[in-house]
C-alpha cells in the first residue's frame, strides 16, 4: 500500500471552480468535490487532471471501490467510472444527500429533509442500493418525537 505525504498531495495546484467540500485519496487518485457540483480526479504524483464532471451540487461525500466512484451530491446519488468519470447511474434521494459508503457490494446513502418554514430537519432516510443502482430498501425516520416510519421495498 502506497502512503502519500501531505507534501506530495498538496504540491500541485488543483482547481475546482468553487469551494472544496470533500477530498479523498485512493491509490494514485485524488478526488475533490465542490460546492457547485464539480467532481474532479487528479494524479497524486503528477498533479495532472484525469477527468472532471459537473452535477448538481454540493458534493457532500465520496466513496471509492472496485473502479467506481460513488458521490452524494445535492439530492442525488451518482455512480461513476473511476477511470473516466463517466456517470454509470444516478438516483434521486429525498432531501439533501449527506453520506455514501459501500460495503460488500451494497451502496449505502443517507439524506435529510430540511424545512425552511421551521428552520429544522424534519426527516432522515437511509437508502440501500445494489451496485447497479437498484433500490433494495430504505428507512425513513421523522425528526419529530414519536413519528418514525419503516422503509419500503
N, C-alpha and C. Protein backbone atom coordinates (compact mmCIF):
# COMPACT_ATOMS: atom_id res chain seq x y z
N UNK A 1 0.84 -1.18 0.00
CA UNK A 1 0.00 0.00 0.00
C UNK A 1 0.88 1.24 0.00
N UNK A 2 0.63 2.15 -0.91
CA UNK A 2 1.39 3.39 -1.02
C UNK A 2 0.78 4.41 -0.07
N UNK A 3 1.65 5.04 0.72
CA UNK A 3 1.21 6.10 1.62
C UNK A 3 1.74 7.41 1.06
N UNK A 4 0.84 8.35 0.83
CA UNK A 4 1.24 9.65 0.29
C UNK A 4 1.41 10.66 1.42
N UNK A 5 2.46 11.46 1.32
CA UNK A 5 2.68 12.51 2.31
C UNK A 5 1.82 13.72 1.97
N UNK A 6 1.59 14.56 2.97
CA UNK A 6 0.83 15.79 2.73
C UNK A 6 1.51 16.64 1.66
N UNK A 7 2.83 16.69 1.69
CA UNK A 7 3.57 17.46 0.69
C UNK A 7 3.33 16.97 -0.72
N UNK A 8 3.27 15.65 -0.90
CA UNK A 8 3.03 15.08 -2.24
C UNK A 8 1.64 15.42 -2.75
N UNK A 9 0.68 15.42 -1.85
CA UNK A 9 -0.70 15.70 -2.26
C UNK A 9 -0.93 17.19 -2.49
N UNK A 10 -0.26 18.02 -1.72
CA UNK A 10 -0.53 19.46 -1.80
C UNK A 10 0.46 20.23 -2.67
N UNK A 11 1.38 19.55 -3.31
CA UNK A 11 2.43 20.25 -4.05
C UNK A 11 1.99 20.77 -5.42
N UNK A 12 0.81 20.39 -5.89
CA UNK A 12 0.31 20.88 -7.18
C UNK A 12 -0.98 21.66 -6.95
N UNK A 13 -1.18 22.68 -7.78
CA UNK A 13 -2.43 23.43 -7.70
C UNK A 13 -3.52 22.67 -8.44
N UNK A 14 -4.66 22.51 -7.79
CA UNK A 14 -5.79 21.84 -8.40
C UNK A 14 -6.99 22.75 -8.24
N UNK A 15 -7.75 22.96 -9.30
CA UNK A 15 -8.84 23.93 -9.31
C UNK A 15 -10.18 23.25 -9.47
N UNK A 16 -11.13 23.61 -8.60
CA UNK A 16 -12.49 23.09 -8.69
C UNK A 16 -13.48 24.16 -9.15
N UNK A 17 -13.11 25.42 -9.06
CA UNK A 17 -14.00 26.49 -9.52
C UNK A 17 -14.89 27.06 -8.43
N UNK A 18 -15.04 26.36 -7.32
CA UNK A 18 -15.77 26.88 -6.16
C UNK A 18 -15.23 26.17 -4.92
N UNK A 19 -15.78 26.50 -3.78
CA UNK A 19 -15.28 25.95 -2.52
C UNK A 19 -15.26 24.43 -2.52
N UNK A 20 -14.15 23.86 -2.06
CA UNK A 20 -14.00 22.41 -1.95
C UNK A 20 -14.82 21.93 -0.75
N UNK A 21 -15.61 20.88 -0.97
CA UNK A 21 -16.45 20.33 0.10
C UNK A 21 -15.99 18.96 0.57
N UNK A 22 -15.24 18.23 -0.26
CA UNK A 22 -14.79 16.89 0.12
C UNK A 22 -13.56 16.50 -0.69
N UNK A 23 -12.62 15.79 -0.06
CA UNK A 23 -11.42 15.26 -0.71
C UNK A 23 -11.25 13.81 -0.31
N UNK A 24 -10.81 12.99 -1.26
CA UNK A 24 -10.50 11.59 -0.97
C UNK A 24 -9.28 11.19 -1.79
N UNK A 25 -8.44 10.33 -1.20
CA UNK A 25 -7.30 9.76 -1.91
C UNK A 25 -7.53 8.27 -2.00
N UNK A 26 -7.35 7.72 -3.21
CA UNK A 26 -7.45 6.29 -3.43
C UNK A 26 -6.31 5.90 -4.36
N UNK A 27 -5.29 5.24 -3.81
CA UNK A 27 -4.12 4.90 -4.63
C UNK A 27 -3.46 6.16 -5.14
N UNK A 28 -3.35 6.29 -6.46
CA UNK A 28 -2.75 7.46 -7.09
C UNK A 28 -3.79 8.49 -7.50
N UNK A 29 -5.03 8.32 -7.07
CA UNK A 29 -6.10 9.26 -7.43
C UNK A 29 -6.44 10.17 -6.26
N UNK A 30 -6.52 11.46 -6.55
CA UNK A 30 -7.04 12.44 -5.61
C UNK A 30 -8.35 12.94 -6.18
N UNK A 31 -9.43 12.74 -5.45
CA UNK A 31 -10.74 13.20 -5.90
C UNK A 31 -11.18 14.37 -5.04
N UNK A 32 -11.75 15.36 -5.70
CA UNK A 32 -12.26 16.53 -4.99
C UNK A 32 -13.63 16.88 -5.48
N UNK A 33 -14.50 17.29 -4.56
CA UNK A 33 -15.84 17.73 -4.90
C UNK A 33 -16.04 19.16 -4.43
N UNK A 34 -16.91 19.89 -5.14
CA UNK A 34 -17.08 21.31 -4.82
C UNK A 34 -18.52 21.65 -4.43
N UNK A 35 -18.66 22.84 -3.89
CA UNK A 35 -19.96 23.40 -3.53
C UNK A 35 -20.87 23.49 -4.74
N UNK A 36 -20.33 23.80 -5.90
CA UNK A 36 -21.12 23.98 -7.11
C UNK A 36 -21.37 22.68 -7.87
N UNK A 37 -20.84 21.54 -7.40
CA UNK A 37 -21.13 20.26 -8.03
C UNK A 37 -20.08 19.74 -8.99
N UNK A 38 -18.88 20.28 -8.94
CA UNK A 38 -17.79 19.76 -9.76
C UNK A 38 -17.14 18.62 -8.99
N UNK A 39 -16.93 17.50 -9.68
CA UNK A 39 -16.21 16.36 -9.13
C UNK A 39 -15.05 16.11 -10.08
N UNK A 40 -13.83 16.15 -9.56
CA UNK A 40 -12.64 16.01 -10.41
C UNK A 40 -11.69 14.99 -9.81
N UNK A 41 -10.88 14.39 -10.69
CA UNK A 41 -9.88 13.40 -10.30
C UNK A 41 -8.54 13.82 -10.87
N UNK A 42 -7.51 13.84 -10.02
CA UNK A 42 -6.15 14.17 -10.43
C UNK A 42 -5.20 13.05 -10.03
N UNK A 43 -4.08 12.97 -10.70
CA UNK A 43 -2.99 12.09 -10.30
C UNK A 43 -2.30 12.71 -9.09
N UNK A 44 -2.13 11.94 -8.03
CA UNK A 44 -1.43 12.44 -6.86
C UNK A 44 0.02 12.74 -7.22
N UNK A 45 0.64 11.87 -8.02
CA UNK A 45 2.06 12.01 -8.34
C UNK A 45 2.37 13.16 -9.29
N UNK A 46 1.58 13.35 -10.34
CA UNK A 46 1.89 14.37 -11.33
C UNK A 46 1.06 15.64 -11.19
N UNK A 47 -0.10 15.54 -10.54
CA UNK A 47 -1.00 16.69 -10.45
C UNK A 47 -1.88 16.85 -11.67
N UNK A 48 -1.70 15.99 -12.69
CA UNK A 48 -2.50 16.09 -13.92
C UNK A 48 -3.94 15.69 -13.66
N UNK A 49 -4.84 16.46 -14.25
CA UNK A 49 -6.25 16.12 -14.13
C UNK A 49 -6.58 14.94 -15.03
N UNK A 50 -7.26 13.95 -14.48
CA UNK A 50 -7.65 12.77 -15.24
C UNK A 50 -9.04 12.92 -15.83
N UNK A 51 -9.95 13.48 -15.05
CA UNK A 51 -11.31 13.72 -15.54
C UNK A 51 -12.02 14.71 -14.64
N UNK A 52 -13.13 15.21 -15.16
CA UNK A 52 -13.95 16.20 -14.44
C UNK A 52 -15.39 16.04 -14.90
N UNK A 53 -16.32 16.11 -13.98
CA UNK A 53 -17.74 16.01 -14.29
C UNK A 53 -18.48 17.05 -13.44
N UNK A 54 -19.58 17.55 -13.98
CA UNK A 54 -20.40 18.50 -13.23
C UNK A 54 -21.79 17.92 -13.03
N UNK A 55 -22.25 17.96 -11.79
CA UNK A 55 -23.59 17.53 -11.41
C UNK A 55 -24.18 18.63 -10.53
N UNK A 56 -25.43 18.47 -10.11
CA UNK A 56 -25.99 19.43 -9.17
C UNK A 56 -25.26 19.31 -7.85
N UNK A 57 -24.78 20.43 -7.33
CA UNK A 57 -24.01 20.42 -6.10
C UNK A 57 -24.83 20.89 -4.93
N UNK A 58 -24.23 20.81 -3.78
CA UNK A 58 -22.84 20.49 -3.50
C UNK A 58 -22.56 18.99 -3.44
N UNK A 59 -21.29 18.65 -3.62
CA UNK A 59 -20.84 17.28 -3.41
C UNK A 59 -20.61 17.15 -1.90
N UNK A 60 -21.30 16.22 -1.24
CA UNK A 60 -21.17 16.12 0.21
C UNK A 60 -20.34 14.94 0.67
N UNK A 61 -20.22 13.89 -0.15
CA UNK A 61 -19.41 12.74 0.25
C UNK A 61 -19.01 11.94 -0.99
N UNK A 62 -17.91 11.21 -0.87
CA UNK A 62 -17.39 10.38 -1.96
C UNK A 62 -16.93 9.06 -1.37
N UNK A 63 -17.25 7.96 -2.05
CA UNK A 63 -16.72 6.64 -1.69
C UNK A 63 -16.16 6.01 -2.96
N UNK A 64 -15.04 5.28 -2.83
CA UNK A 64 -14.41 4.64 -3.99
C UNK A 64 -14.18 3.17 -3.70
N UNK A 65 -14.59 2.32 -4.64
CA UNK A 65 -14.36 0.88 -4.51
C UNK A 65 -14.56 0.22 -5.87
N UNK A 66 -13.76 -0.79 -6.16
CA UNK A 66 -13.90 -1.61 -7.37
C UNK A 66 -14.05 -0.79 -8.64
N UNK A 67 -13.14 0.14 -8.87
CA UNK A 67 -13.09 1.01 -10.06
C UNK A 67 -14.34 1.87 -10.24
N UNK A 68 -15.02 2.14 -9.15
CA UNK A 68 -16.17 3.05 -9.18
C UNK A 68 -16.01 4.13 -8.12
N UNK A 69 -16.58 5.28 -8.44
CA UNK A 69 -16.67 6.39 -7.50
C UNK A 69 -18.15 6.61 -7.25
N UNK A 70 -18.54 6.69 -6.01
CA UNK A 70 -19.92 6.99 -5.64
C UNK A 70 -19.92 8.36 -4.99
N UNK A 71 -20.80 9.23 -5.47
CA UNK A 71 -20.82 10.61 -4.97
C UNK A 71 -22.23 10.99 -4.53
N UNK A 72 -22.32 11.49 -3.30
CA UNK A 72 -23.55 12.07 -2.79
C UNK A 72 -23.49 13.55 -3.16
N UNK A 73 -24.47 14.00 -3.95
CA UNK A 73 -24.43 15.36 -4.46
C UNK A 73 -25.83 15.95 -4.49
N UNK A 74 -26.02 17.06 -3.82
CA UNK A 74 -27.33 17.70 -3.72
C UNK A 74 -28.34 16.67 -3.26
N UNK A 75 -29.35 16.37 -4.07
CA UNK A 75 -30.36 15.38 -3.68
C UNK A 75 -30.24 14.11 -4.51
N UNK A 76 -29.01 13.81 -4.98
CA UNK A 76 -28.79 12.64 -5.84
C UNK A 76 -27.62 11.81 -5.35
N UNK A 77 -27.63 10.55 -5.79
CA UNK A 77 -26.50 9.65 -5.60
C UNK A 77 -26.04 9.24 -6.99
N UNK A 78 -24.73 9.36 -7.25
CA UNK A 78 -24.16 9.05 -8.57
C UNK A 78 -23.11 7.96 -8.44
N UNK A 79 -23.09 7.06 -9.42
CA UNK A 79 -22.02 6.09 -9.56
C UNK A 79 -21.26 6.43 -10.83
N UNK A 80 -19.95 6.57 -10.73
CA UNK A 80 -19.12 6.94 -11.87
C UNK A 80 -18.01 5.93 -12.09
N UNK A 81 -17.56 5.83 -13.32
CA UNK A 81 -16.39 5.02 -13.65
C UNK A 81 -15.16 5.76 -13.13
N UNK A 82 -14.38 5.12 -12.27
CA UNK A 82 -13.23 5.77 -11.64
C UNK A 82 -12.14 6.14 -12.65
N UNK A 83 -12.07 5.44 -13.77
CA UNK A 83 -11.04 5.72 -14.77
C UNK A 83 -11.37 6.86 -15.71
N UNK A 84 -12.66 7.06 -16.00
CA UNK A 84 -13.06 8.05 -16.99
C UNK A 84 -13.94 9.17 -16.45
N UNK A 85 -14.60 8.93 -15.31
CA UNK A 85 -15.54 9.91 -14.77
C UNK A 85 -16.92 9.81 -15.39
N UNK A 86 -17.10 8.88 -16.32
CA UNK A 86 -18.43 8.71 -16.93
C UNK A 86 -19.44 8.28 -15.88
N UNK A 87 -20.63 8.88 -15.92
CA UNK A 87 -21.68 8.53 -14.98
C UNK A 87 -22.31 7.22 -15.43
N UNK A 88 -22.29 6.22 -14.54
CA UNK A 88 -22.86 4.90 -14.81
C UNK A 88 -24.34 4.91 -14.49
N UNK A 89 -24.69 5.47 -13.33
CA UNK A 89 -26.09 5.64 -12.96
C UNK A 89 -26.22 6.76 -11.93
N UNK A 90 -27.43 7.31 -11.86
CA UNK A 90 -27.76 8.35 -10.89
C UNK A 90 -29.14 8.03 -10.32
N UNK A 91 -29.32 8.26 -9.03
CA UNK A 91 -30.60 8.01 -8.39
C UNK A 91 -30.97 9.21 -7.52
N UNK A 92 -32.24 9.65 -7.61
CA UNK A 92 -32.68 10.76 -6.75
C UNK A 92 -32.90 10.27 -5.33
N UNK A 93 -32.59 11.12 -4.37
CA UNK A 93 -32.85 10.86 -2.97
C UNK A 93 -33.79 11.96 -2.48
N UNK A 94 -34.54 11.70 -1.44
CA UNK A 94 -35.41 12.73 -0.88
C UNK A 94 -34.57 13.60 0.05
N UNK A 95 -34.57 14.88 -0.18
CA UNK A 95 -33.80 15.79 0.64
C UNK A 95 -32.37 15.89 0.16
N UNK A 96 -31.52 16.44 1.02
CA UNK A 96 -30.11 16.63 0.69
C UNK A 96 -29.32 15.38 1.02
N UNK A 97 -28.51 14.92 0.07
CA UNK A 97 -27.69 13.75 0.32
C UNK A 97 -26.55 14.13 1.26
N UNK A 98 -26.30 13.27 2.23
CA UNK A 98 -25.32 13.58 3.27
C UNK A 98 -24.12 12.64 3.28
N UNK A 99 -24.32 11.39 2.83
CA UNK A 99 -23.35 10.34 3.12
C UNK A 99 -23.47 9.25 2.07
N UNK A 100 -22.32 8.64 1.72
CA UNK A 100 -22.31 7.45 0.88
C UNK A 100 -21.18 6.55 1.33
N UNK A 101 -21.46 5.24 1.37
CA UNK A 101 -20.46 4.25 1.74
C UNK A 101 -20.80 2.95 1.02
N UNK A 102 -19.80 2.16 0.73
CA UNK A 102 -20.01 0.88 0.06
C UNK A 102 -19.43 -0.22 0.93
N UNK A 103 -20.22 -1.28 1.13
CA UNK A 103 -19.78 -2.40 1.94
C UNK A 103 -20.36 -3.69 1.37
N UNK A 104 -19.48 -4.61 0.99
CA UNK A 104 -19.88 -5.91 0.47
C UNK A 104 -20.90 -5.80 -0.67
N UNK A 105 -20.63 -4.90 -1.61
CA UNK A 105 -21.48 -4.75 -2.78
C UNK A 105 -22.74 -3.95 -2.57
N UNK A 106 -22.96 -3.49 -1.36
CA UNK A 106 -24.15 -2.67 -1.06
C UNK A 106 -23.72 -1.21 -0.97
N UNK A 107 -24.48 -0.34 -1.65
CA UNK A 107 -24.21 1.09 -1.61
C UNK A 107 -25.20 1.71 -0.63
N UNK A 108 -24.67 2.30 0.42
CA UNK A 108 -25.48 2.93 1.45
C UNK A 108 -25.40 4.45 1.28
N UNK A 109 -26.54 5.11 1.37
CA UNK A 109 -26.58 6.57 1.29
C UNK A 109 -27.52 7.08 2.36
N UNK A 110 -27.37 8.32 2.74
CA UNK A 110 -28.27 8.96 3.70
C UNK A 110 -28.64 10.33 3.17
N UNK A 111 -29.86 10.73 3.48
CA UNK A 111 -30.32 12.06 3.08
C UNK A 111 -31.20 12.63 4.18
N UNK A 112 -31.32 13.95 4.18
CA UNK A 112 -32.12 14.64 5.19
C UNK A 112 -32.98 15.70 4.52
N UNK A 113 -34.20 15.84 5.02
CA UNK A 113 -35.13 16.87 4.52
C UNK A 113 -35.12 18.03 5.50
N UNK A 114 -34.85 19.23 4.99
CA UNK A 114 -34.82 20.45 5.79
C UNK A 114 -36.00 21.32 5.39
N UNK A 115 -36.77 21.77 6.35
CA UNK A 115 -37.91 22.64 6.07
C UNK A 115 -37.57 24.06 6.50
N UNK A 116 -37.56 24.95 5.53
CA UNK A 116 -37.20 26.34 5.78
C UNK A 116 -38.19 27.01 6.74
N UNK A 117 -39.48 26.67 6.61
CA UNK A 117 -40.51 27.30 7.44
C UNK A 117 -40.25 27.13 8.93
N UNK A 118 -39.70 25.99 9.32
CA UNK A 118 -39.45 25.75 10.74
C UNK A 118 -37.95 25.78 11.07
N UNK A 119 -37.13 26.01 10.06
CA UNK A 119 -35.68 26.09 10.21
C UNK A 119 -35.10 24.87 10.92
N UNK A 120 -35.53 23.68 10.46
CA UNK A 120 -35.04 22.46 11.08
C UNK A 120 -35.20 21.28 10.12
N UNK A 121 -34.48 20.21 10.41
CA UNK A 121 -34.63 18.97 9.66
C UNK A 121 -35.87 18.25 10.14
N UNK A 122 -36.65 17.71 9.20
CA UNK A 122 -37.90 17.04 9.57
C UNK A 122 -37.83 15.53 9.42
N UNK A 123 -36.93 15.03 8.58
CA UNK A 123 -36.77 13.59 8.46
C UNK A 123 -35.43 13.25 7.84
N UNK A 124 -35.00 12.02 8.10
CA UNK A 124 -33.77 11.49 7.52
C UNK A 124 -34.07 10.11 6.97
N UNK A 125 -33.38 9.76 5.88
CA UNK A 125 -33.59 8.46 5.24
C UNK A 125 -32.26 7.80 4.98
N UNK A 126 -32.20 6.50 5.25
CA UNK A 126 -31.05 5.67 4.88
C UNK A 126 -31.50 4.84 3.68
N UNK A 127 -30.69 4.86 2.63
CA UNK A 127 -31.00 4.19 1.37
C UNK A 127 -30.04 3.04 1.16
N UNK A 128 -30.55 1.93 0.64
CA UNK A 128 -29.73 0.75 0.34
C UNK A 128 -29.91 0.39 -1.13
N UNK A 129 -28.83 0.53 -1.93
CA UNK A 129 -28.84 0.22 -3.35
C UNK A 129 -27.89 -0.95 -3.62
N UNK A 130 -28.15 -1.70 -4.69
CA UNK A 130 -27.13 -2.64 -5.13
C UNK A 130 -26.14 -1.88 -6.01
N UNK A 131 -25.08 -2.54 -6.43
CA UNK A 131 -24.03 -1.85 -7.19
C UNK A 131 -24.49 -1.39 -8.57
N UNK A 132 -25.62 -1.89 -9.03
CA UNK A 132 -26.16 -1.47 -10.33
C UNK A 132 -27.18 -0.35 -10.20
N UNK A 133 -27.40 0.12 -8.97
CA UNK A 133 -28.27 1.26 -8.76
C UNK A 133 -29.72 0.93 -8.47
N UNK A 134 -30.04 -0.34 -8.28
CA UNK A 134 -31.42 -0.71 -7.95
C UNK A 134 -31.65 -0.51 -6.46
N UNK A 135 -32.71 0.20 -6.13
CA UNK A 135 -33.06 0.43 -4.74
C UNK A 135 -33.49 -0.89 -4.12
N UNK A 136 -32.84 -1.29 -3.04
CA UNK A 136 -33.17 -2.52 -2.34
C UNK A 136 -34.14 -2.26 -1.18
N UNK A 137 -33.89 -1.16 -0.48
CA UNK A 137 -34.74 -0.81 0.65
C UNK A 137 -34.36 0.58 1.14
N UNK A 138 -35.27 1.21 1.85
CA UNK A 138 -34.94 2.46 2.51
C UNK A 138 -35.73 2.58 3.80
N UNK A 139 -35.17 3.34 4.73
CA UNK A 139 -35.78 3.54 6.04
C UNK A 139 -35.82 5.04 6.30
N UNK A 140 -37.00 5.54 6.67
CA UNK A 140 -37.17 6.96 6.94
C UNK A 140 -37.53 7.15 8.40
N UNK A 141 -36.91 8.12 8.99
CA UNK A 141 -37.14 8.42 10.41
C UNK A 141 -37.51 9.89 10.52
N UNK A 142 -38.66 10.15 11.10
CA UNK A 142 -39.10 11.51 11.33
C UNK A 142 -38.28 12.13 12.46
N UNK A 143 -37.98 13.40 12.33
CA UNK A 143 -37.24 14.09 13.39
C UNK A 143 -38.15 14.46 14.54
N UNK A 144 -39.43 14.42 14.32
CA UNK A 144 -40.39 14.73 15.38
C UNK A 144 -40.54 13.53 16.29
N UNK A 145 -40.52 13.76 17.55
CA UNK A 145 -40.59 12.70 18.56
C UNK A 145 -41.81 11.79 18.35
N UNK A 146 -41.53 10.50 18.34
CA UNK A 146 -42.62 9.53 18.27
C UNK A 146 -43.18 9.29 16.89
N UNK A 147 -42.54 9.81 15.85
CA UNK A 147 -43.07 9.64 14.49
C UNK A 147 -42.04 9.00 13.59
N UNK A 148 -41.79 7.73 13.75
CA UNK A 148 -40.86 7.02 12.87
C UNK A 148 -41.65 6.19 11.88
N UNK A 149 -41.08 5.95 10.72
CA UNK A 149 -41.76 5.15 9.71
C UNK A 149 -40.80 4.09 9.19
N UNK A 150 -41.31 2.90 9.01
CA UNK A 150 -40.49 1.82 8.44
C UNK A 150 -40.33 2.04 6.95
N UNK A 151 -39.26 1.50 6.39
CA UNK A 151 -38.99 1.64 4.96
C UNK A 151 -39.85 0.72 4.13
N UNK A 152 -39.74 0.94 2.83
CA UNK A 152 -40.46 0.10 1.88
C UNK A 152 -39.46 -0.55 0.98
N UNK A 153 -39.90 -1.59 0.35
CA UNK A 153 -39.06 -2.29 -0.60
C UNK A 153 -39.42 -1.88 -1.98
